[in-house]
Amino acid sequence: MWNVPSESRLSKIPRLYETENIKTESKLIHLHFFLDCSDFYIAEYDGDDLFWGFAILKNDFQCAEWGYIRFSELRSINIGGLEIDCELDEYWTVKKASEIKRITQCRYK
């Protein structure tokens, strides 16, 4: 994985279920992982290996969904030498899901 998020950055993500009373469009997205046409937007973290967020695989907006994502699985992705990347702090700011165009293009609304 390129640009593995620091422990400091990970510690700022709400723990699993802490935001379950917040509507999905209002959830804050703390991290953005990407590779080619796939994106993983992270809203919660268990502090160990499990994220909860929104995934869009291969630009498939119809099947994109909220769900659980294992950090270890993201770190292990390697397709022909390409690895998943985490957008750096200086390029990613925490924002609501409704402010992310790729999420709003999906059918979850």
PDB file of N, CA and C in Angstrom:
ATOM      1  N   MET A   1       0.843  -1.185   0.000  1.00  0.00           N
ATOM      2  CA  MET A   1       0.000   0.000   0.000  1.00  0.00           C
ATOM      3  C   MET A   1       0.880   1.238   0.000  1.00  0.00           C
ATOM      4  N   TRP A   2       0.492   2.190  -0.797  1.00  0.00           N
ATOM      5  CA  TRP A   2       1.182   3.471  -0.815  1.00  0.00           C
ATOM      6  C   TRP A   2       0.517   4.377   0.220  1.00  0.00           C
ATOM      7  N   ASN A   3       1.301   5.189   0.856  1.00  0.00           N
ATOM      8  CA  ASN A   3       0.792   6.189   1.804  1.00  0.00           C
ATOM      9  C   ASN A   3      -0.120   5.587   2.868  1.00  0.00           C
ATOM     10  N   VAL A   4       0.396   4.641   3.607  1.00  0.00           N
ATOM     11  CA  VAL A   4      -0.361   4.038   4.713  1.00  0.00           C
ATOM     12  C   VAL A   4      -0.696   5.147   5.707  1.00  0.00           C
ATOM     13  N   PRO A   5      -1.969   5.276   6.108  1.00  0.00           N
ATOM     14  CA  PRO A   5      -2.327   6.329   7.062  1.00  0.00           C
ATOM     15  C   PRO A   5      -1.628   6.126   8.406  1.00  0.00           C
ATOM     16  N   SER A   6      -1.191   7.211   8.994  1.00  0.00           N
ATOM     17  CA  SER A   6      -0.491   7.163  10.275  1.00  0.00           C
ATOM     18  C   SER A   6      -1.446   6.782  11.402  1.00  0.00           C
ATOM     19  N   GLU A   7      -0.886   6.324  12.513  1.00  0.00           N
ATOM     20  CA  GLU A   7      -1.699   6.013  13.692  1.00  0.00           C
ATOM     21  C   GLU A   7      -2.449   7.246  14.173  1.00  0.00           C
ATOM     22  N   SER A   8      -1.804   8.396  14.077  1.00  0.00           N
ATOM     23  CA  SER A   8      -2.443   9.643  14.475  1.00  0.00           C
ATOM     24  C   SER A   8      -3.686   9.914  13.624  1.00  0.00           C
ATOM     25  N   ARG A   9      -3.557   9.705  12.351  1.00  0.00           N
ATOM     26  CA  ARG A   9      -4.674   9.918  11.428  1.00  0.00           C
ATOM     27  C   ARG A   9      -5.792   8.900  11.687  1.00  0.00           C
ATOM     28  N   LEU A  10      -5.416   7.653  11.891  1.00  0.00           N
ATOM     29  CA  LEU A  10      -6.406   6.598  12.161  1.00  0.00           C
ATOM     30  C   LEU A  10      -7.140   6.846  13.469  1.00  0.00           C
ATOM     31  N   SER A  11      -6.451   7.398  14.453  1.00  0.00           N
ATOM     32  CA  SER A  11      -7.062   7.610  15.775  1.00  0.00           C
ATOM     33  C   SER A  11      -8.157   8.675  15.749  1.00  0.00           C
ATOM     34  N   LYS A  12      -8.215   9.481  14.703  1.00  0.00           N
ATOM     35  CA  LYS A  12      -9.228  10.535  14.594  1.00  0.00           C
ATOM     36  C   LYS A  12     -10.541  10.040  13.994  1.00  0.00           C
ATOM     37  N   ILE A  13     -10.544   8.811  13.497  1.00  0.00           N
ATOM     38  CA  ILE A  13     -11.744   8.246  12.884  1.00  0.00           C
ATOM     39  C   ILE A  13     -12.667   7.724  13.992  1.00  0.00           C
ATOM     40  N   PRO A  14     -13.954   8.037  13.941  1.00  0.00           N
ATOM     41  CA  PRO A  14     -14.876   7.514  14.956  1.00  0.00           C
ATOM     42  C   PRO A  14     -14.849   5.980  14.980  1.00  0.00           C
ATOM     43  N   ARG A  15     -15.056   5.426  16.142  1.00  0.00           N
ATOM     44  CA  ARG A  15     -15.098   3.971  16.300  1.00  0.00           C
ATOM     45  C   ARG A  15     -16.375   3.419  15.676  1.00  0.00           C
ATOM     46  N   LEU A  16     -16.346   2.130  15.373  1.00  0.00           N
ATOM     47  CA  LEU A  16     -17.514   1.482  14.782  1.00  0.00           C
ATOM     48  C   LEU A  16     -18.766   1.768  15.612  1.00  0.00           C
ATOM     49  N   TYR A  17     -19.832   2.071  14.924  1.00  0.00           N
ATOM     50  CA  TYR A  17     -21.168   2.330  15.482  1.00  0.00           C
ATOM     51  C   TYR A  17     -21.309   3.687  16.176  1.00  0.00           C
ATOM     52  N   GLU A  18     -20.247   4.456  16.304  1.00  0.00           N
ATOM     53  CA  GLU A  18     -20.368   5.767  16.945  1.00  0.00           C
ATOM     54  C   GLU A  18     -21.212   6.739  16.126  1.00  0.00           C
ATOM     55  N   THR A  19     -21.291   6.526  14.827  1.00  0.00           N
ATOM     56  CA  THR A  19     -22.051   7.455  13.980  1.00  0.00           C
ATOM     57  C   THR A  19     -23.312   6.818  13.406  1.00  0.00           C
ATOM     58  N   GLU A  20     -23.751   5.703  13.986  1.00  0.00           N
ATOM     59  CA  GLU A  20     -24.893   4.993  13.396  1.00  0.00           C
ATOM     60  C   GLU A  20     -26.193   5.801  13.430  1.00  0.00           C
ATOM     61  N   ASN A  21     -26.283   6.817  14.259  1.00  0.00           N
ATOM     62  CA  ASN A  21     -27.486   7.654  14.289  1.00  0.00           C
ATOM     63  C   ASN A  21     -27.407   8.854  13.344  1.00  0.00           C
ATOM     64  N   ILE A  22     -26.340   8.920  12.587  1.00  0.00           N
ATOM     65  CA  ILE A  22     -26.166   9.994  11.604  1.00  0.00           C
ATOM     66  C   ILE A  22     -26.557   9.449  10.237  1.00  0.00           C
ATOM     67  N   LYS A  23     -27.356  10.195   9.486  1.00  0.00           N
ATOM     68  CA  LYS A  23     -27.757   9.771   8.143  1.00  0.00           C
ATOM     69  C   LYS A  23     -26.509   9.555   7.282  1.00  0.00           C
ATOM     70  N   THR A  24     -26.579   8.599   6.377  1.00  0.00           N
ATOM     71  CA  THR A  24     -25.392   8.263   5.575  1.00  0.00           C
ATOM     72  C   THR A  24     -24.845   9.463   4.814  1.00  0.00           C
ATOM     73  N   GLU A  25     -25.713  10.298   4.270  1.00  0.00           N
ATOM     74  CA  GLU A  25     -25.223  11.446   3.506  1.00  0.00           C
ATOM     75  C   GLU A  25     -24.512  12.477   4.382  1.00  0.00           C
ATOM     76  N   SER A  26     -24.761  12.423   5.696  1.00  0.00           N
ATOM     77  CA  SER A  26     -24.126  13.365   6.627  1.00  0.00           C
ATOM     78  C   SER A  26     -22.902  12.784   7.328  1.00  0.00           C
ATOM     79  N   LYS A  27     -22.628  11.513   7.123  1.00  0.00           N
ATOM     80  CA  LYS A  27     -21.457  10.900   7.762  1.00  0.00           C
ATOM     81  C   LYS A  27     -20.186  11.565   7.242  1.00  0.00           C
ATOM     82  N   LEU A  28     -19.231  11.753   8.142  1.00  0.00           N
ATOM     83  CA  LEU A  28     -17.952  12.340   7.757  1.00  0.00           C
ATOM     84  C   LEU A  28     -17.044  11.249   7.212  1.00  0.00           C
ATOM     85  N   ILE A  29     -16.411  11.552   6.110  1.00  0.00           N
ATOM     86  CA  ILE A  29     -15.485  10.627   5.472  1.00  0.00           C
ATOM     87  C   ILE A  29     -14.070  11.082   5.822  1.00  0.00           C
ATOM     88  N   HIS A  30     -13.348  10.215   6.524  1.00  0.00           N
ATOM     89  CA  HIS A  30     -12.038  10.567   7.065  1.00  0.00           C
ATOM     90  C   HIS A  30     -10.877  10.153   6.183  1.00  0.00           C
ATOM     91  N   LEU A  31     -11.051   9.070   5.430  1.00  0.00           N
ATOM     92  CA  LEU A  31      -9.979   8.587   4.557  1.00  0.00           C
ATOM     93  C   LEU A  31     -10.544   8.214   3.200  1.00  0.00           C
ATOM     94  N   HIS A  32      -9.700   8.316   2.191  1.00  0.00           N
ATOM     95  CA  HIS A  32     -10.051   7.892   0.835  1.00  0.00           C
ATOM     96  C   HIS A  32      -8.928   7.010   0.303  1.00  0.00           C
ATOM     97  N   PHE A  33      -9.248   5.733   0.079  1.00  0.00           N
ATOM     98  CA  PHE A  33      -8.322   4.800  -0.557  1.00  0.00           C
ATOM     99  C   PHE A  33      -8.770   4.639  -2.006  1.00  0.00           C
ATOM    100  N   PHE A  34      -7.816   4.453  -2.913  1.00  0.00           N
ATOM    101  CA  PHE A  34      -8.188   4.319  -4.317  1.00  0.00           C
ATOM    102  C   PHE A  34      -7.168   3.496  -5.091  1.00  0.00           C
ATOM    103  N   LEU A  35      -7.645   2.902  -6.161  1.00  0.00           N
ATOM    104  CA  LEU A  35      -6.819   2.168  -7.112  1.00  0.00           C
ATOM    105  C   LEU A  35      -7.592   2.089  -8.413  1.00  0.00           C
ATOM    106  N   ASP A  36      -7.014   2.627  -9.469  1.00  0.00           N
ATOM    107  CA  ASP A  36      -7.647   2.609 -10.779  1.00  0.00           C
ATOM    108  C   ASP A  36      -9.036   3.235 -10.661  1.00  0.00           C
ATOM    109  N   CYS A  37     -10.091   2.508 -10.931  1.00  0.00           N
ATOM    110  CA  CYS A  37     -11.460   3.039 -10.899  1.00  0.00           C
ATOM    111  C   CYS A  37     -12.220   2.579  -9.666  1.00  0.00           C
ATOM    112  N   SER A  38     -11.517   2.232  -8.600  1.00  0.00           N
ATOM    113  CA  SER A  38     -12.148   1.785  -7.360  1.00  0.00           C
ATOM    114  C   SER A  38     -11.809   2.749  -6.233  1.00  0.00           C
ATOM    115  N   ASP A  39     -12.808   3.026  -5.400  1.00  0.00           N
ATOM    116  CA  ASP A  39     -12.643   3.960  -4.292  1.00  0.00           C
ATOM    117  C   ASP A  39     -13.243   3.379  -3.026  1.00  0.00           C
ATOM    118  N   PHE A  40     -12.590   3.662  -1.911  1.00  0.00           N
ATOM    119  CA  PHE A  40     -13.063   3.248  -0.591  1.00  0.00           C
ATOM    120  C   PHE A  40     -13.032   4.481   0.301  1.00  0.00           C
ATOM    121  N   TYR A  41     -14.198   4.894   0.787  1.00  0.00           N
ATOM    122  CA  TYR A  41     -14.338   6.083   1.612  1.00  0.00           C
ATOM    123  C   TYR A  41     -14.641   5.638   3.042  1.00  0.00           C
ATOM    124  N   ILE A  42     -13.823   6.029   3.986  1.00  0.00           N
ATOM    125  CA  ILE A  42     -13.876   5.498   5.343  1.00  0.00           C
ATOM    126  C   ILE A  42     -14.532   6.477   6.321  1.00  0.00           C
ATOM    127  N   ALA A  43     -15.563   5.967   7.039  1.00  0.00           N
ATOM    128  CA  ALA A  43     -16.295   6.785   8.013  1.00  0.00           C
ATOM    129  C   ALA A  43     -16.066   6.330   9.455  1.00  0.00           C
ATOM    130  N   GLU A  44     -15.806   5.026   9.662  1.00  0.00           N
ATOM    131  CA  GLU A  44     -15.608   4.493  11.012  1.00  0.00           C
ATOM    132  C   GLU A  44     -14.485   3.455  10.994  1.00  0.00           C
ATOM    133  N   TYR A  45     -13.927   3.193  12.175  1.00  0.00           N
ATOM    134  CA  TYR A  45     -12.793   2.264  12.296  1.00  0.00           C
ATOM    135  C   TYR A  45     -12.846   1.606  13.670  1.00  0.00           C
ATOM    136  N   ASP A  46     -12.552   0.319  13.739  1.00  0.00           N
ATOM    137  CA  ASP A  46     -12.576  -0.370  15.031  1.00  0.00           C
ATOM    138  C   ASP A  46     -11.278  -0.206  15.819  1.00  0.00           C
ATOM    139  N   GLY A  47     -10.301   0.469  15.237  1.00  0.00           N
ATOM    140  CA  GLY A  47      -9.022   0.685  15.906  1.00  0.00           C
ATOM    141  C   GLY A  47      -8.030  -0.435  15.664  1.00  0.00           C
ATOM    142  N   ASP A  48      -8.448  -1.452  14.936  1.00  0.00           N
ATOM    143  CA  ASP A  48      -7.580  -2.606  14.690  1.00  0.00           C
ATOM    144  C   ASP A  48      -7.486  -2.908  13.192  1.00  0.00           C
ATOM    145  N   ASP A  49      -8.555  -3.480  12.610  1.00  0.00           N
ATOM    146  CA  ASP A  49      -8.489  -3.915  11.213  1.00  0.00           C
ATOM    147  C   ASP A  49      -9.771  -3.684  10.431  1.00  0.00           C
ATOM    148  N   LEU A  50     -10.821  -3.200  11.056  1.00  0.00           N
ATOM    149  CA  LEU A  50     -12.099  -3.126  10.368  1.00  0.00           C
ATOM    150  C   LEU A  50     -12.572  -1.686  10.209  1.00  0.00           C
ATOM    151  N   PHE A  51     -12.785  -1.318   8.953  1.00  0.00           N
ATOM    152  CA  PHE A  51     -13.352  -0.018   8.610  1.00  0.00           C
ATOM    153  C   PHE A  51     -14.824  -0.202   8.263  1.00  0.00           C
ATOM    154  N   TRP A  52     -15.569   0.881   8.334  1.00  0.00           N
ATOM    155  CA  TRP A  52     -16.923   0.927   7.785  1.00  0.00           C
ATOM    156  C   TRP A  52     -16.961   2.144   6.909  1.00  0.00           C
ATOM    157  N   GLY A  53     -17.420   1.948   5.672  1.00  0.00           N
ATOM    158  CA  GLY A  53     -17.456   3.061   4.747  1.00  0.00           C
ATOM    159  C   GLY A  53     -18.175   2.706   3.462  1.00  0.00           C
ATOM    160  N   PHE A  54     -17.864   3.450   2.445  1.00  0.00           N
ATOM    161  CA  PHE A  54     -18.539   3.321   1.154  1.00  0.00           C
ATOM    162  C   PHE A  54     -17.533   2.858   0.112  1.00  0.00           C
ATOM    163  N   ALA A  55     -17.906   1.836  -0.651  1.00  0.00           N
ATOM    164  CA  ALA A  55     -17.010   1.285  -1.677  1.00  0.00           C
ATOM    165  C   ALA A  55     -17.650   1.368  -3.059  1.00  0.00           C
ATOM    166  N   ILE A  56     -16.843   1.814  -4.003  1.00  0.00           N
ATOM    167  CA  ILE A  56     -17.222   1.827  -5.415  1.00  0.00           C
ATOM    168  C   ILE A  56     -16.152   1.010  -6.132  1.00  0.00           C
ATOM    169  N   LEU A  57     -16.525  -0.120  -6.691  1.00  0.00           N
ATOM    170  CA  LEU A  57     -15.562  -0.989  -7.368  1.00  0.00           C
ATOM    171  C   LEU A  57     -15.689  -0.851  -8.880  1.00  0.00           C
ATOM    172  N   LYS A  58     -14.588  -0.555  -9.517  1.00  0.00           N
ATOM    173  CA  LYS A  58     -14.504  -0.477 -10.982  1.00  0.00           C
ATOM    174  C   LYS A  58     -15.577   0.427 -11.598  1.00  0.00           C
ATOM    175  N   ASN A  59     -15.814   1.577 -10.974  1.00  0.00           N
ATOM    176  CA  ASN A  59     -16.804   2.551 -11.455  1.00  0.00           C
ATOM    177  C   ASN A  59     -18.216   1.981 -11.546  1.00  0.00           C
ATOM    178  N   ASP A  60     -18.510   0.942 -10.797  1.00  0.00           N
ATOM    179  CA  ASP A  60     -19.848   0.352 -10.809  1.00  0.00           C
ATOM    180  C   ASP A  60     -20.717   1.086  -9.792  1.00  0.00           C
ATOM    181  N   PHE A  61     -21.307   2.187 -10.231  1.00  0.00           N
ATOM    182  CA  PHE A  61     -22.095   3.034  -9.343  1.00  0.00           C
ATOM    183  C   PHE A  61     -23.395   2.359  -8.913  1.00  0.00           C
ATOM    184  N   GLN A  62     -23.916   1.450  -9.712  1.00  0.00           N
ATOM    185  CA  GLN A  62     -25.161   0.760  -9.379  1.00  0.00           C
ATOM    186  C   GLN A  62     -24.993  -0.211  -8.209  1.00  0.00           C
ATOM    187  N   CYS A  63     -23.816  -0.818  -8.103  1.00  0.00           N
ATOM    188  CA  CYS A  63     -23.584  -1.807  -7.036  1.00  0.00           C
ATOM    189  C   CYS A  63     -22.746  -1.261  -5.885  1.00  0.00           C
ATOM    190  N   ALA A  64     -22.393   0.008  -5.928  1.00  0.00           N
ATOM    191  CA  ALA A  64     -21.624   0.617  -4.841  1.00  0.00           C
ATOM    192  C   ALA A  64     -22.457   0.583  -3.573  1.00  0.00           C
ATOM    193  N   GLU A  65     -21.770   0.438  -2.421  1.00  0.00           N
ATOM    194  CA  GLU A  65     -22.541   0.311  -1.190  1.00  0.00           C
ATOM    195  C   GLU A  65     -21.733   0.646   0.052  1.00  0.00           C
ATOM    196  N   TRP A  66     -22.479   0.894   1.147  1.00  0.00           N
ATOM    197  CA  TRP A  66     -21.912   1.059   2.475  1.00  0.00           C
ATOM    198  C   TRP A  66     -21.673  -0.324   3.049  1.00  0.00           C
ATOM    199  N   GLY A  67     -20.557  -0.495   3.745  1.00  0.00           N
ATOM    200  CA  GLY A  67     -20.294  -1.783   4.361  1.00  0.00           C
ATOM    201  C   GLY A  67     -18.946  -1.814   5.045  1.00  0.00           C
ATOM    202  N   TYR A  68     -18.557  -3.019   5.462  1.00  0.00           N
ATOM    203  CA  TYR A  68     -17.303  -3.232   6.182  1.00  0.00           C
ATOM    204  C   TYR A  68     -16.173  -3.515   5.207  1.00  0.00           C
ATOM    205  N   ILE A  69     -15.006  -2.990   5.537  1.00  0.00           N
ATOM    206  CA  ILE A  69     -13.813  -3.122   4.698  1.00  0.00           C
ATOM    207  C   ILE A  69     -12.651  -3.437   5.627  1.00  0.00           C
ATOM    208  N   ARG A  70     -11.961  -4.505   5.384  1.00  0.00           N
ATOM    209  CA  ARG A  70     -10.804  -4.870   6.213  1.00  0.00           C
ATOM    210  C   ARG A  70      -9.572  -4.092   5.753  1.00  0.00           C
ATOM    211  N   PHE A  71      -8.923  -3.440   6.703  1.00  0.00           N
ATOM    212  CA  PHE A  71      -7.695  -2.690   6.438  1.00  0.00           C
ATOM    213  C   PHE A  71      -6.625  -3.641   5.884  1.00  0.00           C
ATOM    214  N   SER A  72      -6.527  -4.827   6.451  1.00  0.00           N
ATOM    215  CA  SER A  72      -5.532  -5.803   5.987  1.00  0.00           C
ATOM    216  C   SER A  72      -5.768  -6.182   4.524  1.00  0.00           C
ATOM    217  N   GLU A  73      -7.012  -6.270   4.100  1.00  0.00           N
ATOM    218  CA  GLU A  73      -7.305  -6.592   2.704  1.00  0.00           C
ATOM    219  C   GLU A  73      -6.913  -5.448   1.782  1.00  0.00           C
ATOM    220  N   LEU A  74      -7.187  -4.216   2.212  1.00  0.00           N
ATOM    221  CA  LEU A  74      -6.771  -3.070   1.408  1.00  0.00           C
ATOM    222  C   LEU A  74      -5.249  -3.059   1.253  1.00  0.00           C
ATOM    223  N   ARG A  75      -4.544  -3.312   2.357  1.00  0.00           N
ATOM    224  CA  ARG A  75      -3.078  -3.304   2.313  1.00  0.00           C
ATOM    225  C   ARG A  75      -2.519  -4.403   1.425  1.00  0.00           C
ATOM    226  N   SER A  76      -3.249  -5.493   1.265  1.00  0.00           N
ATOM    227  CA  SER A  76      -2.732  -6.625   0.500  1.00  0.00           C
ATOM    228  C   SER A  76      -3.013  -6.531  -1.008  1.00  0.00           C
ATOM    229  N   ILE A  77      -3.810  -5.581  -1.429  1.00  0.00           N
ATOM    230  CA  ILE A  77      -4.150  -5.485  -2.851  1.00  0.00           C
ATOM    231  C   ILE A  77      -2.909  -5.144  -3.660  1.00  0.00           C
ATOM    232  N   ASN A  78      -2.662  -5.970  -4.662  1.00  0.00           N
ATOM    233  CA  ASN A  78      -1.553  -5.755  -5.591  1.00  0.00           C
ATOM    234  C   ASN A  78      -1.974  -6.374  -6.916  1.00  0.00           C
ATOM    235  N   ILE A  79      -2.200  -5.522  -7.897  1.00  0.00           N
ATOM    236  CA  ILE A  79      -2.646  -5.982  -9.204  1.00  0.00           C
ATOM    237  C   ILE A  79      -1.583  -5.607 -10.219  1.00  0.00           C
ATOM    238  N   GLY A  80      -0.808  -6.595 -10.620  1.00  0.00           N
ATOM    239  CA  GLY A  80       0.263  -6.339 -11.586  1.00  0.00           C
ATOM    240  C   GLY A  80       1.249  -5.292 -11.136  1.00  0.00           C
ATOM    241  N   GLY A  81       1.536  -5.259  -9.848  1.00  0.00           N
ATOM    242  CA  GLY A  81       2.474  -4.285  -9.305  1.00  0.00           C
ATOM    243  C   GLY A  81       1.825  -2.989  -8.842  1.00  0.00           C
ATOM    244  N   LEU A  82       0.547  -2.810  -9.117  1.00  0.00           N
ATOM    245  CA  LEU A  82      -0.169  -1.619  -8.646  1.00  0.00           C
ATOM    246  C   LEU A  82      -0.759  -1.909  -7.276  1.00  0.00           C
ATOM    247  N   GLU A  83      -0.559  -0.993  -6.360  1.00  0.00           N
ATOM    248  CA  GLU A  83      -1.085  -1.138  -5.010  1.00  0.00           C
ATOM    249  C   GLU A  83      -2.080  -0.033  -4.732  1.00  0.00           C
ATOM    250  N   ILE A  84      -2.957  -0.295  -3.788  1.00  0.00           N
ATOM    251  CA  ILE A  84      -3.934   0.710  -3.389  1.00  0.00           C
ATOM    252  C   ILE A  84      -3.200   1.871  -2.716  1.00  0.00           C
ATOM    253  N   ASP A  85      -3.756   3.044  -2.830  1.00  0.00           N
ATOM    254  CA  ASP A  85      -3.149   4.249  -2.266  1.00  0.00           C
ATOM    255  C   ASP A  85      -4.143   4.907  -1.322  1.00  0.00           C
ATOM    256  N   CYS A  86      -3.636   5.578  -0.318  1.00  0.00           N
ATOM    257  CA  CYS A  86      -4.463   6.376   0.584  1.00  0.00           C
ATOM    258  C   CYS A  86      -4.134   7.839   0.307  1.00  0.00           C
ATOM    259  N   GLU A  87      -5.159   8.607   0.034  1.00  0.00           N
ATOM    260  CA  GLU A  87      -4.941  10.016  -0.268  1.00  0.00           C
ATOM    261  C   GLU A  87      -4.308  10.712   0.933  1.00  0.00           C
ATOM    262  N   LEU A  88      -3.265  11.461   0.690  1.00  0.00           N
ATOM    263  CA  LEU A  88      -2.522  12.146   1.741  1.00  0.00           C
ATOM    264  C   LEU A  88      -3.336  13.258   2.393  1.00  0.00           C
ATOM    265  N   ASP A  89      -2.998  13.567   3.641  1.00  0.00           N
ATOM    266  CA  ASP A  89      -3.665  14.633   4.397  1.00  0.00           C
ATOM    267  C   ASP A  89      -3.726  15.943   3.623  1.00  0.00           C
ATOM    268  N   GLU A  90      -2.635  16.281   2.963  1.00  0.00           N
ATOM    269  CA  GLU A  90      -2.613  17.576   2.280  1.00  0.00           C
ATOM    270  C   GLU A  90      -3.528  17.632   1.056  1.00  0.00           C
ATOM    271  N   TYR A  91      -4.022  16.463   0.609  1.00  0.00           N
ATOM    272  CA  TYR A  91      -4.938  16.428  -0.538  1.00  0.00           C
ATOM    273  C   TYR A  91      -6.355  16.015  -0.148  1.00  0.00           C
ATOM    274  N   TRP A  92      -6.519  15.487   1.056  1.00  0.00           N
ATOM    275  CA  TRP A  92      -7.837  15.027   1.499  1.00  0.00           C
ATOM    276  C   TRP A  92      -8.233  15.748   2.777  1.00  0.00           C
ATOM    277  N   THR A  93      -9.394  16.347   2.773  1.00  0.00           N
ATOM    278  CA  THR A  93      -9.930  16.939   3.986  1.00  0.00           C
ATOM    279  C   THR A  93     -11.200  16.181   4.357  1.00  0.00           C
ATOM    280  N   VAL A  94     -11.436  16.036   5.634  1.00  0.00           N
ATOM    281  CA  VAL A  94     -12.642  15.355   6.105  1.00  0.00           C
ATOM    282  C   VAL A  94     -13.841  16.131   5.597  1.00  0.00           C
ATOM    283  N   LYS A  95     -14.796  15.402   5.026  1.00  0.00           N
ATOM    284  CA  LYS A  95     -16.004  16.037   4.488  1.00  0.00           C
ATOM    285  C   LYS A  95     -17.174  15.077   4.574  1.00  0.00           C
ATOM    286  N   LYS A  96     -18.368  15.606   4.469  1.00  0.00           N
ATOM    287  CA  LYS A  96     -19.571  14.783   4.488  1.00  0.00           C
ATOM    288  C   LYS A  96     -19.648  13.939   3.215  1.00  0.00           C
ATOM    289  N   ALA A  97     -20.263  12.780   3.343  1.00  0.00           N
ATOM    290  CA  ALA A  97     -20.450  11.914   2.177  1.00  0.00           C
ATOM    291  C   ALA A  97     -21.193  12.655   1.070  1.00  0.00           C
ATOM    292  N   SER A  98     -22.135  13.498   1.439  1.00  0.00           N
ATOM    293  CA  SER A  98     -22.916  14.248   0.443  1.00  0.00           C
ATOM    294  C   SER A  98     -22.081  15.266  -0.330  1.00  0.00           C
ATOM    295  N   GLU A  99     -20.864  15.530   0.124  1.00  0.00           N
ATOM    296  CA  GLU A  99     -19.978  16.482  -0.560  1.00  0.00           C
ATOM    297  C   GLU A  99     -19.002  15.789  -1.504  1.00  0.00           C
ATOM    298  N   ILE A 100     -19.106  14.475  -1.605  1.00  0.00           N
ATOM    299  CA  ILE A 100     -18.187  13.711  -2.455  1.00  0.00           C
ATOM    300  C   ILE A 100     -18.946  13.269  -3.699  1.00  0.00           C
ATOM    301  N   LYS A 101     -18.572  13.826  -4.819  1.00  0.00           N
ATOM    302  CA  LYS A 101     -19.305  13.606  -6.061  1.00  0.00           C
ATOM    303  C   LYS A 101     -19.455  12.126  -6.402  1.00  0.00           C
ATOM    304  N   ARG A 102     -18.393  11.349  -6.254  1.00  0.00           N
ATOM    305  CA  ARG A 102     -18.471   9.931  -6.629  1.00  0.00           C
ATOM    306  C   ARG A 102     -19.467   9.171  -5.751  1.00  0.00           C
ATOM    307  N   ILE A 103     -19.624   9.566  -4.519  1.00  0.00           N
ATOM    308  CA  ILE A 103     -20.625   8.913  -3.665  1.00  0.00           C
ATOM    309  C   ILE A 103     -22.029   9.352  -4.080  1.00  0.00           C
ATOM    310  N   THR A 104     -22.214  10.625  -4.341  1.00  0.00           N
ATOM    311  CA  THR A 104     -23.564  11.115  -4.685  1.00  0.00           C
ATOM    312  C   THR A 104     -24.023  10.615  -6.038  1.00  0.00           C
ATOM    313  N   GLN A 105     -23.113  10.140  -6.872  1.00  0.00           N
ATOM    314  CA  GLN A 105     -23.501   9.580  -8.176  1.00  0.00           C
ATOM    315  C   GLN A 105     -24.105   8.179  -8.028  1.00  0.00           C
ATOM    316  N   CYS A 106     -23.984   7.599  -6.865  1.00  0.00           N
ATOM    317  CA  CYS A 106     -24.432   6.219  -6.651  1.00  0.00           C
ATOM    318  C   CYS A 106     -25.886   6.169  -6.241  1.00  0.00           C
ATOM    319  N   ARG A 107     -26.436   4.994  -6.260  1.00  0.00           N
ATOM    320  CA  ARG A 107     -27.871   4.782  -6.030  1.00  0.00           C
ATOM    321  C   ARG A 107     -28.285   4.786  -4.569  1.00  0.00           C
ATOM    322  N   TYR A 108     -27.347   4.959  -3.626  1.00  0.00           N
ATOM    323  CA  TYR A 108     -27.670   4.827  -2.214  1.00  0.00           C
ATOM    324  C   TYR A 108     -28.675   5.872  -1.723  1.00  0.00           C
ATOM    325  N   LYS A 109     -28.815   6.978  -2.424  1.00  0.00           N
ATOM    326  CA  LYS A 109     -29.611   8.116  -1.951  1.00  0.00           C
ATOM    327  C   LYS A 109     -31.045   7.758  -1.661  1.00  0.00           C
TER     328      LYS A 109
END
